[in-house]
Amino acid sequence: MSDAKQNQKIQKACAAALEKFQKIDLDKYADIQSKLEYVLGSYAFDGNPVGLYDIGAEALKDLKKYKKSKPRLVSKKLIDDLEKAIKSK
């Protein structure tokens, strides 16, 4: 897979994770939300996906924890997409 496609995958997955955290709307996820917003903006500016992979991995951990307590609020597809995008690094 080309770098551009890999970068697009991680960007989409991080954007979806950000959207989910915004819908969850809990203060304990404010930090990861701001980090995701920052790395998405940074990637849009400089095209360097390193931050997306790092913060995407953090977001994945948080989403998995949240899914354990509220399984219906975090889709398996979101988790899978994020995992695949991170692994494609």
C-alpha atoms as a PDB file:
ATOM      1  CA  MET A   1       0.000   0.000   0.000  1.00  0.00           C
ATOM      2  CA  SER A   2       1.339   3.439  -0.863  1.00  0.00           C
ATOM      3  CA  ASP A   3       2.305   5.922   1.815  1.00  0.00           C
ATOM      4  CA  ALA A   4      -0.444   8.292   0.702  1.00  0.00           C
ATOM      5  CA  LYS A   5      -3.101   5.599   1.151  1.00  0.00           C
ATOM      6  CA  GLN A   6      -1.712   4.600   4.547  1.00  0.00           C
ATOM      7  CA  ASN A   7      -1.653   8.227   5.638  1.00  0.00           C
ATOM      8  CA  GLN A   8      -5.214   8.702   4.447  1.00  0.00           C
ATOM      9  CA  LYS A   9      -6.325   5.615   6.406  1.00  0.00           C
ATOM     10  CA  ILE A  10      -4.803   6.840   9.683  1.00  0.00           C
ATOM     11  CA  GLN A  11      -6.181  10.336   9.100  1.00  0.00           C
ATOM     12  CA  LYS A  12      -9.718   8.994   8.567  1.00  0.00           C
ATOM     13  CA  ALA A  13      -9.466   6.666  11.554  1.00  0.00           C
ATOM     14  CA  CYS A  14      -8.241   9.463  13.835  1.00  0.00           C
ATOM     15  CA  ALA A  15     -10.982  11.783  12.584  1.00  0.00           C
ATOM     16  CA  ALA A  16     -13.578   9.082  13.333  1.00  0.00           C
ATOM     17  CA  ALA A  17     -12.096   8.565  16.801  1.00  0.00           C
ATOM     18  CA  LEU A  18     -12.247  12.310  17.456  1.00  0.00           C
ATOM     19  CA  GLU A  19     -15.875  12.366  16.371  1.00  0.00           C
ATOM     20  CA  LYS A  20     -16.666   9.491  18.749  1.00  0.00           C
ATOM     21  CA  PHE A  21     -14.939  11.201  21.684  1.00  0.00           C
ATOM     22  CA  GLN A  22     -16.929  14.365  20.925  1.00  0.00           C
ATOM     23  CA  LYS A  23     -20.160  12.356  21.015  1.00  0.00           C
ATOM     24  CA  ILE A  24     -19.148  10.645  24.269  1.00  0.00           C
ATOM     25  CA  ASP A  25     -18.528  14.117  25.700  1.00  0.00           C
ATOM     26  CA  LEU A  26     -16.840  13.187  28.993  1.00  0.00           C
ATOM     27  CA  ASP A  27     -14.270  15.451  30.651  1.00  0.00           C
ATOM     28  CA  LYS A  28     -11.808  12.595  31.081  1.00  0.00           C
ATOM     29  CA  TYR A  29     -11.481  12.419  27.269  1.00  0.00           C
ATOM     30  CA  ALA A  30     -10.889  16.148  26.783  1.00  0.00           C
ATOM     31  CA  ASP A  31      -7.119  15.635  26.647  1.00  0.00           C
ATOM     32  CA  ILE A  32      -7.216  12.965  23.938  1.00  0.00           C
ATOM     33  CA  GLN A  33      -9.735  15.069  22.003  1.00  0.00           C
ATOM     34  CA  SER A  34      -7.438  18.077  21.992  1.00  0.00           C
ATOM     35  CA  LYS A  35      -4.465  15.894  21.006  1.00  0.00           C
ATOM     36  CA  LEU A  36      -6.422  14.405  18.110  1.00  0.00           C
ATOM     37  CA  GLU A  37      -7.542  17.851  16.962  1.00  0.00           C
ATOM     38  CA  TYR A  38      -3.947  19.058  17.106  1.00  0.00           C
ATOM     39  CA  VAL A  39      -2.404  16.146  15.170  1.00  0.00           C
ATOM     40  CA  LEU A  40      -5.146  16.235  12.539  1.00  0.00           C
ATOM     41  CA  GLY A  41      -4.507  19.951  12.029  1.00  0.00           C
ATOM     42  CA  SER A  42      -0.766  19.410  12.052  1.00  0.00           C
ATOM     43  CA  TYR A  43      -1.049  16.649   9.453  1.00  0.00           C
ATOM     44  CA  ALA A  44      -3.221  18.852   7.252  1.00  0.00           C
ATOM     45  CA  PHE A  45      -0.528  21.544   7.447  1.00  0.00           C
ATOM     46  CA  ASP A  46       2.701  19.559   7.042  1.00  0.00           C
ATOM     47  CA  GLY A  47       1.644  16.122   5.747  1.00  0.00           C
ATOM     48  CA  ASN A  48       3.688  14.323   8.417  1.00  0.00           C
ATOM     49  CA  PRO A  49       1.596  11.465   9.867  1.00  0.00           C
ATOM     50  CA  VAL A  50       3.844  10.547  12.842  1.00  0.00           C
ATOM     51  CA  GLY A  51       1.594  12.273  15.380  1.00  0.00           C
ATOM     52  CA  LEU A  52      -1.482  10.563  13.946  1.00  0.00           C
ATOM     53  CA  TYR A  53       0.026   7.151  14.627  1.00  0.00           C
ATOM     54  CA  ASP A  54       1.157   8.054  18.153  1.00  0.00           C
ATOM     55  CA  ILE A  55      -2.046   9.736  19.283  1.00  0.00           C
ATOM     56  CA  GLY A  56      -4.147   7.248  17.317  1.00  0.00           C
ATOM     57  CA  ALA A  57      -2.644   4.473  19.461  1.00  0.00           C
ATOM     58  CA  GLU A  58      -3.568   6.399  22.626  1.00  0.00           C
ATOM     59  CA  ALA A  59      -7.098   6.938  21.315  1.00  0.00           C
ATOM     60  CA  LEU A  60      -7.399   3.240  20.542  1.00  0.00           C
ATOM     61  CA  LYS A  61      -6.564   2.309  24.145  1.00  0.00           C
ATOM     62  CA  ASP A  62      -9.111   4.782  25.496  1.00  0.00           C
ATOM     63  CA  LEU A  63     -11.816   3.623  23.092  1.00  0.00           C
ATOM     64  CA  LYS A  64     -11.234  -0.024  23.997  1.00  0.00           C
ATOM     65  CA  LYS A  65     -11.533   0.789  27.712  1.00  0.00           C
ATOM     66  CA  TYR A  66     -14.723   2.747  27.123  1.00  0.00           C
ATOM     67  CA  LYS A  67     -16.147  -0.046  24.943  1.00  0.00           C
ATOM     68  CA  LYS A  68     -15.756  -2.499  27.848  1.00  0.00           C
ATOM     69  CA  SER A  69     -18.101  -0.442  29.992  1.00  0.00           C
ATOM     70  CA  LYS A  70     -20.446   0.721  27.209  1.00  0.00           C
ATOM     71  CA  PRO A  71     -20.118  -1.799  24.354  1.00  0.00           C
ATOM     72  CA  ARG A  72     -22.921  -0.395  22.223  1.00  0.00           C
ATOM     73  CA  LEU A  73     -21.482   3.124  22.070  1.00  0.00           C
ATOM     74  CA  VAL A  74     -18.215   2.269  20.310  1.00  0.00           C
ATOM     75  CA  SER A  75     -18.471   0.293  17.093  1.00  0.00           C
ATOM     76  CA  LYS A  76     -16.265  -2.657  16.324  1.00  0.00           C
ATOM     77  CA  LYS A  77     -15.608  -1.070  12.916  1.00  0.00           C
ATOM     78  CA  LEU A  78     -14.133   2.041  14.521  1.00  0.00           C
ATOM     79  CA  ILE A  79     -11.795  -0.059  16.677  1.00  0.00           C
ATOM     80  CA  ASP A  80     -10.860  -2.295  13.716  1.00  0.00           C
ATOM     81  CA  ASP A  81     -10.213   0.648  11.381  1.00  0.00           C
ATOM     82  CA  LEU A  82      -8.001   2.345  13.937  1.00  0.00           C
ATOM     83  CA  GLU A  83      -6.082  -0.871  14.648  1.00  0.00           C
ATOM     84  CA  LYS A  84      -5.531  -1.579  10.928  1.00  0.00           C
ATOM     85  CA  ALA A  85      -4.399   1.972  10.251  1.00  0.00           C
ATOM     86  CA  ILE A  86      -1.902   1.879  13.120  1.00  0.00           C
ATOM     87  CA  LYS A  87      -0.565  -1.524  12.072  1.00  0.00           C
ATOM     88  CA  SER A  88      -0.056  -0.338   8.482  1.00  0.00           C
ATOM     89  CA  LYS A  89       2.594   2.116   9.679  1.00  0.00           C
END
